[in-house]
Amino acid sequence: SAVFLGIGFSTLIFVAAFFRSGVVKYVANGRCIHSTIERPFRMSEWLNEEGDLIQVMCLQNYLFFGNASSVFSYIGASFE
């Protein structure tokens, strides 16, 4: 029974550590991050002009239900 108690306690510590660290590593837009794909001139110009419309979120760690909910809230707040 002590083994199961140790496994349960270490699982709680593991999950708590990832909840504290956060899921979103950084956020950038299309003006900061560019693709390596070669596109026609018109498409490249459009991407350069409208780059603010593209949002990129780099995530880190594992996604649990609570973390996924915080990512969903973060995305919802960015559209307001």
N, C-alpha and C. Protein backbone atom coordinates (compact mmCIF):
# COMPACT_ATOMS: atom_id res chain seq x y z
N SER A 1 0.82 -1.20 0.00
CA SER A 1 0.00 0.00 0.00
C SER A 1 0.86 1.27 0.00
N ALA A 2 2.05 1.16 0.57
CA ALA A 2 2.95 2.32 0.58
C ALA A 2 3.42 2.65 -0.84
N VAL A 3 3.56 1.63 -1.68
CA VAL A 3 3.97 1.85 -3.07
C VAL A 3 2.90 2.65 -3.80
N PHE A 4 1.64 2.26 -3.63
CA PHE A 4 0.55 2.99 -4.29
C PHE A 4 0.44 4.41 -3.77
N LEU A 5 0.66 4.60 -2.49
CA LEU A 5 0.63 5.95 -1.92
C LEU A 5 1.76 6.79 -2.52
N GLY A 6 2.94 6.20 -2.68
CA GLY A 6 4.06 6.92 -3.29
C GLY A 6 3.81 7.26 -4.74
N ILE A 7 3.22 6.33 -5.49
CA ILE A 7 2.89 6.59 -6.90
C ILE A 7 1.85 7.70 -6.99
N GLY A 8 0.84 7.65 -6.16
CA GLY A 8 -0.19 8.69 -6.17
C GLY A 8 0.36 10.06 -5.81
N PHE A 9 1.22 10.10 -4.78
CA PHE A 9 1.80 11.36 -4.36
C PHE A 9 2.72 11.93 -5.43
N SER A 10 3.54 11.09 -6.05
CA SER A 10 4.44 11.58 -7.11
C SER A 10 3.66 12.04 -8.34
N THR A 11 2.53 11.40 -8.62
CA THR A 11 1.69 11.84 -9.73
C THR A 11 1.12 13.22 -9.45
N LEU A 12 0.67 13.46 -8.24
CA LEU A 12 0.15 14.78 -7.88
C LEU A 12 1.23 15.85 -7.98
N ILE A 13 2.42 15.55 -7.55
CA ILE A 13 3.52 16.51 -7.65
C ILE A 13 3.84 16.80 -9.12
N PHE A 14 3.85 15.75 -9.95
CA PHE A 14 4.12 15.90 -11.37
C PHE A 14 3.09 16.80 -12.04
N VAL A 15 1.82 16.56 -11.79
CA VAL A 15 0.75 17.35 -12.40
C VAL A 15 0.79 18.80 -11.90
N ALA A 16 1.03 18.99 -10.60
CA ALA A 16 1.09 20.34 -10.04
C ALA A 16 2.25 21.14 -10.64
N ALA A 17 3.37 20.49 -10.89
CA ALA A 17 4.52 21.19 -11.47
C ALA A 17 4.20 21.69 -12.88
N PHE A 18 3.48 20.91 -13.66
CA PHE A 18 3.15 21.34 -15.02
C PHE A 18 2.05 22.38 -15.04
N PHE A 19 1.16 22.39 -14.05
CA PHE A 19 0.14 23.44 -14.00
C PHE A 19 0.77 24.78 -13.67
N ARG A 20 1.80 24.78 -12.84
CA ARG A 20 2.44 26.03 -12.46
C ARG A 20 3.29 26.62 -13.57
N SER A 21 3.89 25.77 -14.41
CA SER A 21 4.82 26.27 -15.41
C SER A 21 4.12 26.94 -16.60
N GLY A 22 2.87 26.65 -16.83
CA GLY A 22 2.16 27.25 -17.96
C GLY A 22 2.36 26.45 -19.23
N VAL A 23 1.47 26.65 -20.16
CA VAL A 23 1.49 25.88 -21.40
C VAL A 23 2.02 26.72 -22.56
N VAL A 24 1.68 27.99 -22.61
CA VAL A 24 2.07 28.85 -23.72
C VAL A 24 3.51 29.31 -23.51
N LYS A 25 4.37 28.92 -24.43
CA LYS A 25 5.79 29.30 -24.34
C LYS A 25 5.98 30.71 -24.86
N TYR A 26 5.48 30.98 -26.06
CA TYR A 26 5.50 32.34 -26.60
C TYR A 26 4.43 32.48 -27.67
N VAL A 27 4.08 33.74 -27.96
CA VAL A 27 3.09 34.07 -28.97
C VAL A 27 3.75 35.02 -29.96
N ALA A 28 3.53 34.77 -31.23
CA ALA A 28 4.08 35.63 -32.28
C ALA A 28 3.03 35.81 -33.36
N ASN A 29 3.29 36.74 -34.27
CA ASN A 29 2.38 36.92 -35.41
C ASN A 29 3.13 36.73 -36.71
N GLY A 30 2.42 36.87 -37.81
CA GLY A 30 3.00 36.63 -39.13
C GLY A 30 4.07 37.62 -39.52
N ARG A 31 4.16 38.74 -38.84
CA ARG A 31 5.23 39.70 -39.14
C ARG A 31 6.55 39.28 -38.50
N CYS A 32 6.47 38.54 -37.41
CA CYS A 32 7.68 38.10 -36.71
C CYS A 32 8.22 36.77 -37.25
N ILE A 33 7.31 35.90 -37.63
CA ILE A 33 7.68 34.56 -38.08
C ILE A 33 7.35 34.44 -39.56
N HIS A 34 8.32 33.99 -40.33
CA HIS A 34 8.11 33.84 -41.77
C HIS A 34 8.28 32.39 -42.17
N SER A 35 7.53 31.98 -43.16
CA SER A 35 7.62 30.63 -43.69
C SER A 35 8.84 30.48 -44.57
N THR A 36 9.31 29.26 -44.71
CA THR A 36 10.44 28.99 -45.59
C THR A 36 9.99 28.55 -46.98
N ILE A 37 8.68 28.50 -47.19
CA ILE A 37 8.14 28.10 -48.49
C ILE A 37 8.20 29.28 -49.45
N GLU A 38 8.67 29.03 -50.66
CA GLU A 38 8.70 30.08 -51.68
C GLU A 38 7.31 30.21 -52.30
N ARG A 39 6.82 31.46 -52.33
CA ARG A 39 5.49 31.74 -52.86
C ARG A 39 5.59 32.77 -53.96
N PRO A 40 4.55 32.85 -54.79
CA PRO A 40 4.53 33.93 -55.79
C PRO A 40 4.57 35.30 -55.12
N PHE A 41 5.00 36.29 -55.88
CA PHE A 41 5.19 37.64 -55.34
C PHE A 41 3.92 38.18 -54.70
N ARG A 42 2.77 38.02 -55.36
CA ARG A 42 1.51 38.55 -54.82
C ARG A 42 1.18 37.94 -53.47
N MET A 43 1.36 36.65 -53.33
CA MET A 43 1.09 35.99 -52.04
C MET A 43 2.06 36.49 -50.97
N SER A 44 3.31 36.62 -51.32
CA SER A 44 4.31 37.11 -50.36
C SER A 44 3.99 38.53 -49.90
N GLU A 45 3.59 39.37 -50.82
CA GLU A 45 3.21 40.74 -50.47
C GLU A 45 2.00 40.75 -49.54
N TRP A 46 1.01 39.92 -49.85
CA TRP A 46 -0.18 39.86 -49.00
C TRP A 46 0.19 39.40 -47.59
N LEU A 47 1.03 38.38 -47.49
CA LEU A 47 1.45 37.90 -46.17
C LEU A 47 2.23 38.97 -45.41
N ASN A 48 3.05 39.74 -46.12
CA ASN A 48 3.79 40.81 -45.46
C ASN A 48 2.86 41.92 -44.97
N GLU A 49 1.83 42.24 -45.75
CA GLU A 49 0.91 43.31 -45.37
C GLU A 49 -0.07 42.87 -44.29
N GLU A 50 -0.54 41.64 -44.36
CA GLU A 50 -1.58 41.15 -43.45
C GLU A 50 -1.02 40.19 -42.40
N GLY A 51 0.25 40.28 -42.12
CA GLY A 51 0.88 39.36 -41.18
C GLY A 51 0.33 39.43 -39.77
N ASP A 52 -0.25 40.57 -39.40
CA ASP A 52 -0.83 40.69 -38.06
C ASP A 52 -2.05 39.79 -37.87
N LEU A 53 -2.66 39.36 -38.96
CA LEU A 53 -3.83 38.48 -38.86
C LEU A 53 -3.46 37.05 -38.51
N ILE A 54 -2.21 36.70 -38.67
CA ILE A 54 -1.74 35.34 -38.39
C ILE A 54 -1.16 35.31 -36.98
N GLN A 55 -1.67 34.44 -36.14
CA GLN A 55 -1.17 34.29 -34.77
C GLN A 55 -0.61 32.90 -34.59
N VAL A 56 0.58 32.81 -34.00
CA VAL A 56 1.24 31.53 -33.75
C VAL A 56 1.47 31.41 -32.25
N MET A 57 1.03 30.30 -31.69
CA MET A 57 1.27 30.03 -30.27
C MET A 57 2.14 28.79 -30.17
N CYS A 58 3.29 28.93 -29.55
CA CYS A 58 4.17 27.80 -29.32
C CYS A 58 3.88 27.28 -27.92
N LEU A 59 3.51 26.01 -27.85
CA LEU A 59 3.14 25.40 -26.57
C LEU A 59 4.29 24.58 -26.02
N GLN A 60 4.28 24.41 -24.71
CA GLN A 60 5.30 23.60 -24.05
C GLN A 60 4.64 22.67 -23.04
N ASN A 61 5.34 21.68 -22.61
CA ASN A 61 4.88 20.71 -21.60
C ASN A 61 3.73 19.86 -22.11
N TYR A 62 3.10 19.18 -21.19
CA TYR A 62 2.00 18.29 -21.53
C TYR A 62 0.67 19.02 -21.41
N LEU A 63 -0.31 18.61 -22.21
CA LEU A 63 -1.64 19.20 -22.13
C LEU A 63 -2.55 18.30 -21.32
N PHE A 64 -2.98 18.78 -20.16
CA PHE A 64 -3.98 18.11 -19.36
C PHE A 64 -5.29 18.85 -19.56
N PHE A 65 -6.35 18.38 -18.95
CA PHE A 65 -7.64 19.04 -19.11
C PHE A 65 -7.61 20.47 -18.59
N GLY A 66 -6.99 20.71 -17.46
CA GLY A 66 -6.90 22.06 -16.92
C GLY A 66 -6.05 22.96 -17.77
N ASN A 67 -4.92 22.46 -18.27
CA ASN A 67 -4.05 23.25 -19.13
C ASN A 67 -4.73 23.56 -20.45
N ALA A 68 -5.42 22.58 -21.02
CA ALA A 68 -6.12 22.80 -22.28
C ALA A 68 -7.20 23.86 -22.11
N SER A 69 -7.83 23.87 -20.96
CA SER A 69 -8.84 24.90 -20.68
C SER A 69 -8.20 26.28 -20.61
N SER A 70 -7.02 26.38 -20.02
CA SER A 70 -6.35 27.68 -19.95
C SER A 70 -5.91 28.15 -21.33
N VAL A 71 -5.49 27.24 -22.20
CA VAL A 71 -5.13 27.60 -23.58
C VAL A 71 -6.37 28.10 -24.32
N PHE A 72 -7.48 27.41 -24.13
CA PHE A 72 -8.74 27.82 -24.76
C PHE A 72 -9.15 29.21 -24.28
N SER A 73 -9.01 29.48 -23.00
CA SER A 73 -9.33 30.81 -22.47
C SER A 73 -8.39 31.87 -23.02
N TYR A 74 -7.11 31.53 -23.15
CA TYR A 74 -6.12 32.47 -23.69
C TYR A 74 -6.45 32.82 -25.13
N ILE A 75 -6.83 31.81 -25.93
CA ILE A 75 -7.20 32.06 -27.32
C ILE A 75 -8.46 32.90 -27.39
N GLY A 76 -9.44 32.59 -26.56
CA GLY A 76 -10.69 33.37 -26.55
C GLY A 76 -10.44 34.82 -26.18
N ALA A 77 -9.56 35.05 -25.23
CA ALA A 77 -9.24 36.42 -24.81
C ALA A 77 -8.51 37.19 -25.91
N SER A 78 -7.73 36.51 -26.72
CA SER A 78 -6.99 37.20 -27.78
C SER A 78 -7.90 37.65 -28.90
N PHE A 79 -9.09 37.06 -29.03
CA PHE A 79 -10.04 37.48 -30.06
C PHE A 79 -10.96 38.61 -29.60
N GLU A 80 -10.92 38.93 -28.34
CA GLU A 80 -11.80 40.01 -27.83
C GLU A 80 -11.16 41.37 -28.01
